[in-house]
Structures are given as structure tokens and as C-alpha cells.
Amino acid sequence: MPTPELASHRGGAFLWPENSLSAIRAARAFEAEQVEIDIHMSRDGEPVVMHDATLDRMTDGSGPVSALDWAALQRLRVKGTGGEAIPHLREAAQAIAAGRKILRLEIKSDTTGAPYPGLARAAAHAVGERAATVVMSFEPATLAELAELGGFAQYVLLVDGRRRRASRAEDLIAACRAVGATELGLPVEAVDVDLARAVHGVGLRLSVWGANHAPTLRHALSPELALDAIATDDPPLAAQMRADAMRLRTGHPPD
């Protein structure tokens, strides 16, 4: 696969209603190797494809995802899709696998910021082929549970910009080691050459999210960073810029 790999963030949030089945299916046509989605948990323990812990922004419902059973969630509709229901993780994973893409899965926390008990295990059962799934979380306990379950392609510890600014490279590396992470995920603006060299120097992968426009994509595609994966809301732009960058590196000017 080309390096860095590209992930259609939330299915390509600039182009389609995020995390919807229509976005996931459309993302299969992009020159991005991965499709990134997020999950929360229903009241009865089902993994629900949704970025926010609440329903208000993306559906015709309201309140926490975790306040409703799966049957009630299925009666809601995703805004901007013409009537699509909220996807179950199993359905989304099957659609991604049918397009021969890697599932890049972020396991979210509830409205209080706490991990959902049982969500990691429910996700592991729902994804199908774990070897074609990259799992991610901001919660160290969640990632440690996923690593213990085993079988996934990569385990990504996500770190926000505030924590990155307060941490040394060795602190972030130690945090990854402590939970069995194989990859560190950061906002694109939080990555510099020194950090990239330190992370890669101990055998960890490095990825970013938020590379959504030409300037941030240009930074993410820098050969000095040698990133392993880039999550982007604009997969077509990212794919074109990656292709141009690769041509320049091989001495062939962009078309």
C-alpha cells in the first residue's frame, strides 16, 4: 500500500453526511485505503455508528445515544441522507469490507467522558475480520482491553492537542507501551519532525487526523514526518496531493 495510508474520516465528512451508510459506501470509491468511523453504545449494549455521544446534531432524535435501545435508535433518521437509519457497526463493517477497505474504528466515551462498559468487546464481535480493523481510543483502559482481546491490525492511542503540548515524546511513547498501542494518533498540527523521529525510532507507527485542506495535507505528507496514516474529511484532495507528492519524489512532475 502507498505510504502514508489515507483514511476517509467519518466516511468523508466534507462530502457526505458523516458516519452514514451512504458516506461509507461512497468512500469505497476513493483512493483511500481505510474508512474511519466512530461508535457509541445503545442502552441495550449494541455498537452504534455515531460520532457524538448525543443524537441531536446528526439525527432527528435528541439526547444521549445510550438512553435508547437499538430498536428505538433504528426509528431515527440521519440528517441529510434522505431517510437512512443509523448504522449498526456490523452493517458498517460489512459495507467497508465489501469495498476491500480497512475499517479504522474509534471507540468513543459516553456523555460524561467515561468509557462504555462492554463496548470494546461488543465492537470486537461486530467487526467481522479483526485483522482488517484498526482500533482507536482516547481512553487508555479501552485500548488496553482491545489489545487484550487481540487480533486487530493496529491499536491506536489517540492524544489531543492539549495533552500533546503537556507531554514529552518519551511520555507519549510510554503511554502507548503501557496499553499495548502500536500507533500514536495526534491532531495534524501537533506533529513535528522531532516527535515523528522519536516515535518511529522505537518502532511505533504515527498517524494524524484533521488534515482536511491543502496546507495541513502538505504538512502531513512531508517526507520528513514519514507518517503511517492520515485521516481526512476530503479524501479526493488528499489522494491527489499524495499522488503528486509521490511523483515529485520519484522525479516525475505532477500532471
C-alpha atoms as a PDB file:
ATOM      1  CA  MET A   1       0.000   0.000   0.000  1.00  0.00           C
ATOM      2  CA  PRO A   2       1.138   3.601  -0.529  1.00  0.00           C
ATOM      3  CA  THR A   3       2.636   5.388   2.438  1.00  0.00           C
ATOM      4  CA  PRO A   4       1.089   7.166   4.174  1.00  0.00           C
ATOM      5  CA  GLU A   5      -2.222   5.352   4.006  1.00  0.00           C
ATOM      6  CA  LEU A   6      -5.298   7.585   3.775  1.00  0.00           C
ATOM      7  CA  ALA A   7      -8.465   7.195   5.824  1.00  0.00           C
ATOM      8  CA  SER A   8     -11.798   8.686   4.787  1.00  0.00           C
ATOM      9  CA  HIS A   9     -12.645  10.389   8.090  1.00  0.00           C
ATOM     10  CA  ARG A  10     -16.243   9.626   9.117  1.00  0.00           C
ATOM     11  CA  GLY A  11     -16.623   8.369   5.551  1.00  0.00           C
ATOM     12  CA  GLY A  12     -15.516  11.715   4.073  1.00  0.00           C
ATOM     13  CA  ALA A  13     -17.288  14.326   6.167  1.00  0.00           C
ATOM     14  CA  PHE A  14     -16.798  17.175   3.682  1.00  0.00           C
ATOM     15  CA  LEU A  15     -18.700  15.257   1.029  1.00  0.00           C
ATOM     16  CA  TRP A  16     -21.440  13.187   2.697  1.00  0.00           C
ATOM     17  CA  PRO A  17     -23.404  13.059   5.966  1.00  0.00           C
ATOM     18  CA  GLU A  18     -20.768  11.767   8.343  1.00  0.00           C
ATOM     19  CA  ASN A  19     -20.818   8.154   9.529  1.00  0.00           C
ATOM     20  CA  SER A  20     -23.853   7.372   7.378  1.00  0.00           C
ATOM     21  CA  LEU A  21     -24.150   4.280   5.226  1.00  0.00           C
ATOM     22  CA  SER A  22     -24.216   6.499   2.138  1.00  0.00           C
ATOM     23  CA  ALA A  23     -20.887   8.043   3.205  1.00  0.00           C
ATOM     24  CA  ILE A  24     -19.359   4.649   3.921  1.00  0.00           C
ATOM     25  CA  ARG A  25     -20.470   3.231   0.578  1.00  0.00           C
ATOM     26  CA  ALA A  26     -19.283   6.297  -1.330  1.00  0.00           C
ATOM     27  CA  ALA A  27     -15.904   6.140   0.416  1.00  0.00           C
ATOM     28  CA  ARG A  28     -15.263   2.744  -1.160  1.00  0.00           C
ATOM     29  CA  ALA A  29     -14.645   4.534  -4.471  1.00  0.00           C
ATOM     30  CA  PHE A  30     -11.955   6.838  -3.061  1.00  0.00           C
ATOM     31  CA  GLU A  31      -8.231   6.155  -3.377  1.00  0.00           C
ATOM     32  CA  ALA A  32      -8.039   5.865   0.392  1.00  0.00           C
ATOM     33  CA  GLU A  33      -7.102   2.567   1.969  1.00  0.00           C
ATOM     34  CA  GLN A  34      -9.141   2.998   5.140  1.00  0.00           C
ATOM     35  CA  VAL A  35     -12.623   4.186   6.132  1.00  0.00           C
ATOM     36  CA  GLU A  36     -12.814   5.765   9.576  1.00  0.00           C
ATOM     37  CA  ILE A  37     -15.993   5.628  11.683  1.00  0.00           C
ATOM     38  CA  ASP A  38     -16.929   6.134  15.335  1.00  0.00           C
ATOM     39  CA  ILE A  39     -19.133   4.156  17.703  1.00  0.00           C
ATOM     40  CA  HIS A  40     -21.136   4.683  20.878  1.00  0.00           C
ATOM     41  CA  MET A  41     -23.291   2.170  22.750  1.00  0.00           C
ATOM     42  CA  SER A  42     -27.058   1.828  22.897  1.00  0.00           C
ATOM     43  CA  ARG A  43     -28.829   1.249  26.192  1.00  0.00           C
ATOM     44  CA  ASP A  44     -29.040  -2.466  25.436  1.00  0.00           C
ATOM     45  CA  GLY A  45     -25.368  -2.803  24.529  1.00  0.00           C
ATOM     46  CA  GLU A  46     -25.276  -2.514  20.725  1.00  0.00           C
ATOM     47  CA  PRO A  47     -22.392  -0.667  18.959  1.00  0.00           C
ATOM     48  CA  VAL A  48     -23.940   2.352  17.200  1.00  0.00           C
ATOM     49  CA  VAL A  49     -22.151   4.257  14.421  1.00  0.00           C
ATOM     50  CA  MET A  50     -22.192   7.890  15.554  1.00  0.00           C
ATOM     51  CA  HIS A  51     -19.529  10.484  16.288  1.00  0.00           C
ATOM     52  CA  ASP A  52     -21.281  12.429  19.041  1.00  0.00           C
ATOM     53  CA  ALA A  53     -22.441  10.970  22.343  1.00  0.00           C
ATOM     54  CA  THR A  54     -25.769  12.694  21.692  1.00  0.00           C
ATOM     55  CA  LEU A  55     -28.188  12.343  18.795  1.00  0.00           C
ATOM     56  CA  ASP A  56     -29.103  15.983  18.219  1.00  0.00           C
ATOM     57  CA  ARG A  57     -26.565  17.116  15.615  1.00  0.00           C
ATOM     58  CA  MET A  58     -26.788  14.244  13.138  1.00  0.00           C
ATOM     59  CA  THR A  59     -30.270  12.753  13.572  1.00  0.00           C
ATOM     60  CA  ASP A  60     -33.910  13.748  14.060  1.00  0.00           C
ATOM     61  CA  GLY A  61     -33.661  12.499  17.645  1.00  0.00           C
ATOM     62  CA  SER A  62     -32.250  14.085  20.794  1.00  0.00           C
ATOM     63  CA  GLY A  63     -30.474  13.133  23.973  1.00  0.00           C
ATOM     64  CA  PRO A  64     -27.705  10.607  24.628  1.00  0.00           C
ATOM     65  CA  VAL A  65     -27.219   7.647  22.300  1.00  0.00           C
ATOM     66  CA  SER A  66     -27.012   5.482  25.414  1.00  0.00           C
ATOM     67  CA  ALA A  67     -30.505   6.491  26.569  1.00  0.00           C
ATOM     68  CA  LEU A  68     -32.235   4.447  23.835  1.00  0.00           C
ATOM     69  CA  ASP A  69     -32.359   0.774  22.970  1.00  0.00           C
ATOM     70  CA  TRP A  70     -31.223  -0.267  19.499  1.00  0.00           C
ATOM     71  CA  ALA A  71     -34.825  -0.770  18.338  1.00  0.00           C
ATOM     72  CA  ALA A  72     -35.665   2.847  19.243  1.00  0.00           C
ATOM     73  CA  LEU A  73     -32.496   4.161  17.613  1.00  0.00           C
ATOM     74  CA  GLN A  74     -33.470   2.391  14.405  1.00  0.00           C
ATOM     75  CA  ARG A  75     -36.592   4.522  14.168  1.00  0.00           C
ATOM     76  CA  LEU A  76     -34.468   7.692  13.927  1.00  0.00           C
ATOM     77  CA  ARG A  77     -33.130   9.082  10.658  1.00  0.00           C
ATOM     78  CA  VAL A  78     -29.711  10.509   9.831  1.00  0.00           C
ATOM     79  CA  LYS A  79     -29.938  14.110   8.649  1.00  0.00           C
ATOM     80  CA  GLY A  80     -29.120  14.769   5.006  1.00  0.00           C
ATOM     81  CA  THR A  81     -29.419  11.153   3.867  1.00  0.00           C
ATOM     82  CA  GLY A  82     -32.983  11.131   2.569  1.00  0.00           C
ATOM     83  CA  GLY A  83     -34.184   8.783   5.274  1.00  0.00           C
ATOM     84  CA  GLU A  84     -31.332   6.446   6.212  1.00  0.00           C
ATOM     85  CA  ALA A  85     -31.353   4.791   9.615  1.00  0.00           C
ATOM     86  CA  ILE A  86     -28.368   4.987  11.981  1.00  0.00           C
ATOM     87  CA  PRO A  87     -25.958   2.166  11.074  1.00  0.00           C
ATOM     88  CA  HIS A  88     -25.076  -0.670  13.397  1.00  0.00           C
ATOM     89  CA  LEU A  89     -21.341  -1.350  13.498  1.00  0.00           C
ATOM     90  CA  ARG A  90     -21.891  -4.784  11.958  1.00  0.00           C
ATOM     91  CA  GLU A  91     -23.629  -3.259   8.937  1.00  0.00           C
ATOM     92  CA  ALA A  92     -20.972  -0.579   8.505  1.00  0.00           C
ATOM     93  CA  ALA A  93     -18.120  -3.075   8.832  1.00  0.00           C
ATOM     94  CA  GLN A  94     -19.677  -5.320   6.208  1.00  0.00           C
ATOM     95  CA  ALA A  95     -20.032  -2.379   3.798  1.00  0.00           C
ATOM     96  CA  ILE A  96     -16.396  -1.395   4.313  1.00  0.00           C
ATOM     97  CA  ALA A  97     -15.171  -4.959   3.852  1.00  0.00           C
ATOM     98  CA  ALA A  98     -17.218  -5.270   0.643  1.00  0.00           C
ATOM     99  CA  GLY A  99     -15.204  -2.363  -0.746  1.00  0.00           C
ATOM    100  CA  ARG A 100     -11.908  -4.054   0.217  1.00  0.00           C
ATOM    101  CA  LYS A 101     -11.065  -1.242   2.621  1.00  0.00           C
ATOM    102  CA  ILE A 102      -9.594  -1.302   6.112  1.00  0.00           C
ATOM    103  CA  LEU A 103     -12.001  -0.325   8.890  1.00  0.00           C
ATOM    104  CA  ARG A 104     -10.497   2.393  11.095  1.00  0.00           C
ATOM    105  CA  LEU A 105     -12.680   2.348  14.207  1.00  0.00           C
ATOM    106  CA  GLU A 106     -12.730   4.862  17.038  1.00  0.00           C
ATOM    107  CA  ILE A 107     -14.426   3.660  20.205  1.00  0.00           C
ATOM    108  CA  LYS A 108     -15.931   6.678  21.928  1.00  0.00           C
ATOM    109  CA  SER A 109     -16.863   7.541  25.511  1.00  0.00           C
ATOM    110  CA  ASP A 110     -20.244   8.497  26.960  1.00  0.00           C
ATOM    111  CA  THR A 111     -21.628  11.973  27.676  1.00  0.00           C
ATOM    112  CA  THR A 112     -19.591  12.148  30.912  1.00  0.00           C
ATOM    113  CA  GLY A 113     -16.356  11.170  29.155  1.00  0.00           C
ATOM    114  CA  ALA A 114     -16.325   7.702  30.706  1.00  0.00           C
ATOM    115  CA  PRO A 115     -15.784   4.501  28.689  1.00  0.00           C
ATOM    116  CA  TYR A 116     -18.869   2.416  27.934  1.00  0.00           C
ATOM    117  CA  PRO A 117     -18.645  -0.875  29.851  1.00  0.00           C
ATOM    118  CA  GLY A 118     -18.620  -3.694  27.321  1.00  0.00           C
ATOM    119  CA  LEU A 119     -18.329  -1.598  24.168  1.00  0.00           C
ATOM    120  CA  ALA A 120     -14.845  -2.793  23.256  1.00  0.00           C
ATOM    121  CA  ARG A 121     -15.948  -6.428  23.453  1.00  0.00           C
ATOM    122  CA  ALA A 122     -19.168  -5.711  21.531  1.00  0.00           C
ATOM    123  CA  ALA A 123     -17.124  -3.998  18.820  1.00  0.00           C
ATOM    124  CA  ALA A 124     -14.724  -6.930  18.599  1.00  0.00           C
ATOM    125  CA  HIS A 125     -17.644  -9.262  17.931  1.00  0.00           C
ATOM    126  CA  ALA A 126     -19.309  -6.944  15.403  1.00  0.00           C
ATOM    127  CA  VAL A 127     -16.419  -6.024  13.102  1.00  0.00           C
ATOM    128  CA  GLY A 128     -16.006  -9.416  11.487  1.00  0.00           C
ATOM    129  CA  GLU A 129     -12.375  -9.650  10.412  1.00  0.00           C
ATOM    130  CA  ARG A 130     -10.280  -8.117  13.161  1.00  0.00           C
ATOM    131  CA  ALA A 131      -7.134  -8.348  11.049  1.00  0.00           C
ATOM    132  CA  ALA A 132      -8.705  -5.808   8.668  1.00  0.00           C
ATOM    133  CA  THR A 133      -9.621  -3.424  11.502  1.00  0.00           C
ATOM    134  CA  VAL A 134      -7.588  -0.642  13.106  1.00  0.00           C
ATOM    135  CA  VAL A 135      -8.953   0.227  16.567  1.00  0.00           C
ATOM    136  CA  MET A 136      -8.522   3.581  18.280  1.00  0.00           C
ATOM    137  CA  SER A 137      -9.455   5.309  21.512  1.00  0.00           C
ATOM    138  CA  PHE A 138      -8.553   8.310  23.640  1.00  0.00           C
ATOM    139  CA  GLU A 139      -9.229   6.104  26.691  1.00  0.00           C
ATOM    140  CA  PRO A 140      -6.178   4.064  27.766  1.00  0.00           C
ATOM    141  CA  ALA A 141      -8.388   1.491  29.518  1.00  0.00           C
ATOM    142  CA  THR A 142     -10.411   0.919  26.360  1.00  0.00           C
ATOM    143  CA  LEU A 143      -7.306   0.443  24.238  1.00  0.00           C
ATOM    144  CA  ALA A 144      -5.781  -1.904  26.806  1.00  0.00           C
ATOM    145  CA  GLU A 145      -8.958  -4.013  26.674  1.00  0.00           C
ATOM    146  CA  LEU A 146      -8.818  -4.137  22.883  1.00  0.00           C
ATOM    147  CA  ALA A 147      -5.157  -5.168  22.981  1.00  0.00           C
ATOM    148  CA  GLU A 148      -6.040  -7.945  25.419  1.00  0.00           C
ATOM    149  CA  LEU A 149      -8.817  -9.157  23.096  1.00  0.00           C
ATOM    150  CA  GLY A 150      -6.218  -9.212  20.307  1.00  0.00           C
ATOM    151  CA  GLY A 151      -6.242  -9.881  16.599  1.00  0.00           C
ATOM    152  CA  PHE A 152      -6.621  -6.319  15.289  1.00  0.00           C
ATOM    153  CA  ALA A 153      -4.397  -4.790  12.620  1.00  0.00           C
ATOM    154  CA  GLN A 154      -3.288  -1.836  14.758  1.00  0.00           C
ATOM    155  CA  TYR A 155      -4.050  -0.339  18.181  1.00  0.00           C
ATOM    156  CA  VAL A 156      -4.018   3.467  18.145  1.00  0.00           C
ATOM    157  CA  LEU A 157      -3.784   5.588  21.282  1.00  0.00           C
ATOM    158  CA  LEU A 158      -5.324   8.950  20.442  1.00  0.00           C
ATOM    159  CA  VAL A 159      -3.930  12.040  22.156  1.00  0.00           C
ATOM    160  CA  ASP A 160      -5.450  15.503  21.855  1.00  0.00           C
ATOM    161  CA  GLY A 161      -3.514  18.711  21.325  1.00  0.00           C
ATOM    162  CA  ARG A 162      -3.640  19.802  24.953  1.00  0.00           C
ATOM    163  CA  ARG A 163      -2.125  16.578  26.216  1.00  0.00           C
ATOM    164  CA  ARG A 164       0.460  16.626  23.436  1.00  0.00           C
ATOM    165  CA  ARG A 165       1.607  20.124  24.454  1.00  0.00           C
ATOM    166  CA  ALA A 166       1.923  18.997  28.083  1.00  0.00           C
ATOM    167  CA  SER A 167       3.861  15.836  27.252  1.00  0.00           C
ATOM    168  CA  ARG A 168       7.352  14.957  26.131  1.00  0.00           C
ATOM    169  CA  ALA A 169       7.838  12.464  23.342  1.00  0.00           C
ATOM    170  CA  GLU A 170       9.029   9.870  25.832  1.00  0.00           C
ATOM    171  CA  ASP A 171       5.838  10.358  27.892  1.00  0.00           C
ATOM    172  CA  LEU A 172       3.666   9.623  24.854  1.00  0.00           C
ATOM    173  CA  ILE A 173       5.746   6.611  23.924  1.00  0.00           C
ATOM    174  CA  ALA A 174       5.470   5.264  27.471  1.00  0.00           C
ATOM    175  CA  ALA A 175       1.682   5.779  27.380  1.00  0.00           C
ATOM    176  CA  CYS A 176       1.498   3.720  24.193  1.00  0.00           C
ATOM    177  CA  ARG A 177       3.647   0.954  25.634  1.00  0.00           C
ATOM    178  CA  ALA A 178       1.546   0.804  28.814  1.00  0.00           C
ATOM    179  CA  VAL A 179      -1.664  -0.113  26.962  1.00  0.00           C
ATOM    180  CA  GLY A 180      -0.290  -2.182  24.088  1.00  0.00           C
ATOM    181  CA  ALA A 181      -0.704   0.541  21.459  1.00  0.00           C
ATOM    182  CA  THR A 182       1.145   0.049  18.187  1.00  0.00           C
ATOM    183  CA  GLU A 183       0.393   3.533  16.880  1.00  0.00           C
ATOM    184  CA  LEU A 184       0.125   7.067  18.259  1.00  0.00           C
ATOM    185  CA  GLY A 185      -2.603   9.271  16.787  1.00  0.00           C
ATOM    186  CA  LEU A 186      -2.444  13.065  17.046  1.00  0.00           C
ATOM    187  CA  PRO A 187      -4.010  16.191  15.545  1.00  0.00           C
ATOM    188  CA  VAL A 188      -2.043  17.103  12.435  1.00  0.00           C
ATOM    189  CA  GLU A 189      -0.861  20.423  13.863  1.00  0.00           C
ATOM    190  CA  ALA A 190       0.625  18.649  16.896  1.00  0.00           C
ATOM    191  CA  VAL A 191       3.193  16.617  14.932  1.00  0.00           C
ATOM    192  CA  ASP A 192       6.709  17.807  14.211  1.00  0.00           C
ATOM    193  CA  VAL A 193       9.833  16.137  12.895  1.00  0.00           C
ATOM    194  CA  ASP A 194      11.417  15.563  16.307  1.00  0.00           C
ATOM    195  CA  LEU A 195       8.342  13.783  17.626  1.00  0.00           C
ATOM    196  CA  ALA A 196       7.994  11.728  14.448  1.00  0.00           C
ATOM    197  CA  ARG A 197      11.604  10.567  14.673  1.00  0.00           C
ATOM    198  CA  ALA A 198      11.231   9.668  18.344  1.00  0.00           C
ATOM    199  CA  VAL A 199       8.044   7.657  17.785  1.00  0.00           C
ATOM    200  CA  HIS A 200       9.320   5.842  14.726  1.00  0.00           C
ATOM    201  CA  GLY A 201      12.662   5.288  16.430  1.00  0.00           C
ATOM    202  CA  VAL A 202      11.061   2.937  18.965  1.00  0.00           C
ATOM    203  CA  GLY A 203       9.066   1.054  16.341  1.00  0.00           C
ATOM    204  CA  LEU A 204       5.689   2.715  16.810  1.00  0.00           C
ATOM    205  CA  ARG A 205       3.510   3.955  13.976  1.00  0.00           C
ATOM    206  CA  LEU A 206       2.368   7.592  13.818  1.00  0.00           C
ATOM    207  CA  SER A 207      -0.896   8.929  12.400  1.00  0.00           C
ATOM    208  CA  VAL A 208      -2.830  12.186  12.304  1.00  0.00           C
ATOM    209  CA  TRP A 209      -6.347  13.462  11.899  1.00  0.00           C
ATOM    210  CA  GLY A 210      -7.585  16.897  10.817  1.00  0.00           C
ATOM    211  CA  ALA A 211      -5.591  17.071   7.572  1.00  0.00           C
ATOM    212  CA  ASN A 212      -8.529  18.491   5.633  1.00  0.00           C
ATOM    213  CA  HIS A 213      -7.122  21.299   3.464  1.00  0.00           C
ATOM    214  CA  ALA A 214      -4.095  21.798   1.270  1.00  0.00           C
ATOM    215  CA  PRO A 215      -1.821  23.373   3.948  1.00  0.00           C
ATOM    216  CA  THR A 216      -2.437  20.662   6.560  1.00  0.00           C
ATOM    217  CA  LEU A 217      -2.258  17.900   3.964  1.00  0.00           C
ATOM    218  CA  ARG A 218       1.022  19.301   2.678  1.00  0.00           C
ATOM    219  CA  HIS A 219       2.396  19.169   6.221  1.00  0.00           C
ATOM    220  CA  ALA A 220       1.077  15.635   6.789  1.00  0.00           C
ATOM    221  CA  LEU A 221       2.583  14.408   3.519  1.00  0.00           C
ATOM    222  CA  SER A 222       6.032  15.783   4.343  1.00  0.00           C
ATOM    223  CA  PRO A 223       8.620  13.014   3.843  1.00  0.00           C
ATOM    224  CA  GLU A 224      10.401  14.235   6.973  1.00  0.00           C
ATOM    225  CA  LEU A 225       7.395  13.179   9.084  1.00  0.00           C
ATOM    226  CA  ALA A 226       7.019   9.805   7.304  1.00  0.00           C
ATOM    227  CA  LEU A 227       3.515   9.390   8.694  1.00  0.00           C
ATOM    228  CA  ASP A 228       1.893   5.988   8.508  1.00  0.00           C
ATOM    229  CA  ALA A 229      -1.730   7.144   8.171  1.00  0.00           C
ATOM    230  CA  ILE A 230      -3.661  10.363   7.574  1.00  0.00           C
ATOM    231  CA  ALA A 231      -7.363  10.738   8.370  1.00  0.00           C
ATOM    232  CA  THR A 232      -9.025  13.381   6.212  1.00  0.00           C
ATOM    233  CA  ASP A 233     -12.504  14.794   5.615  1.00  0.00           C
ATOM    234  CA  ASP A 234     -11.567  15.348   1.940  1.00  0.00           C
ATOM    235  CA  PRO A 235     -10.272  12.012   0.602  1.00  0.00           C
ATOM    236  CA  PRO A 236     -10.192  13.055  -3.096  1.00  0.00           C
ATOM    237  CA  LEU A 237      -7.986  16.068  -2.347  1.00  0.00           C
ATOM    238  CA  ALA A 238      -5.750  14.005  -0.082  1.00  0.00           C
ATOM    239  CA  ALA A 239      -5.385  11.274  -2.702  1.00  0.00           C
ATOM    240  CA  GLN A 240      -4.471  13.791  -5.402  1.00  0.00           C
ATOM    241  CA  MET A 241      -1.919  15.531  -3.196  1.00  0.00           C
ATOM    242  CA  ARG A 242      -0.411  12.197  -2.150  1.00  0.00           C
ATOM    243  CA  ALA A 243      -0.103  11.138  -5.798  1.00  0.00           C
ATOM    244  CA  ASP A 244       1.537  14.466  -6.691  1.00  0.00           C
ATOM    245  CA  ALA A 245       3.954  14.168  -3.768  1.00  0.00           C
ATOM    246  CA  MET A 246       4.933  10.647  -4.775  1.00  0.00           C
ATOM    247  CA  ARG A 247       5.572  11.731  -8.375  1.00  0.00           C
ATOM    248  CA  LEU A 248       7.819  14.538  -7.202  1.00  0.00           C
ATOM    249  CA  ARG A 249       9.809  12.167  -5.000  1.00  0.00           C
ATOM    250  CA  THR A 250      10.382   9.830  -7.936  1.00  0.00           C
ATOM    251  CA  GLY A 251      11.396  12.677 -10.250  1.00  0.00           C
ATOM    252  CA  HIS A 252       8.123  12.806 -12.183  1.00  0.00           C
ATOM    253  CA  PRO A 253       6.298  16.172 -12.083  1.00  0.00           C
ATOM    254  CA  PRO A 254       2.560  16.173 -11.243  1.00  0.00           C
ATOM    255  CA  ASP A 255       0.128  16.013 -14.152  1.00  0.00           C
END
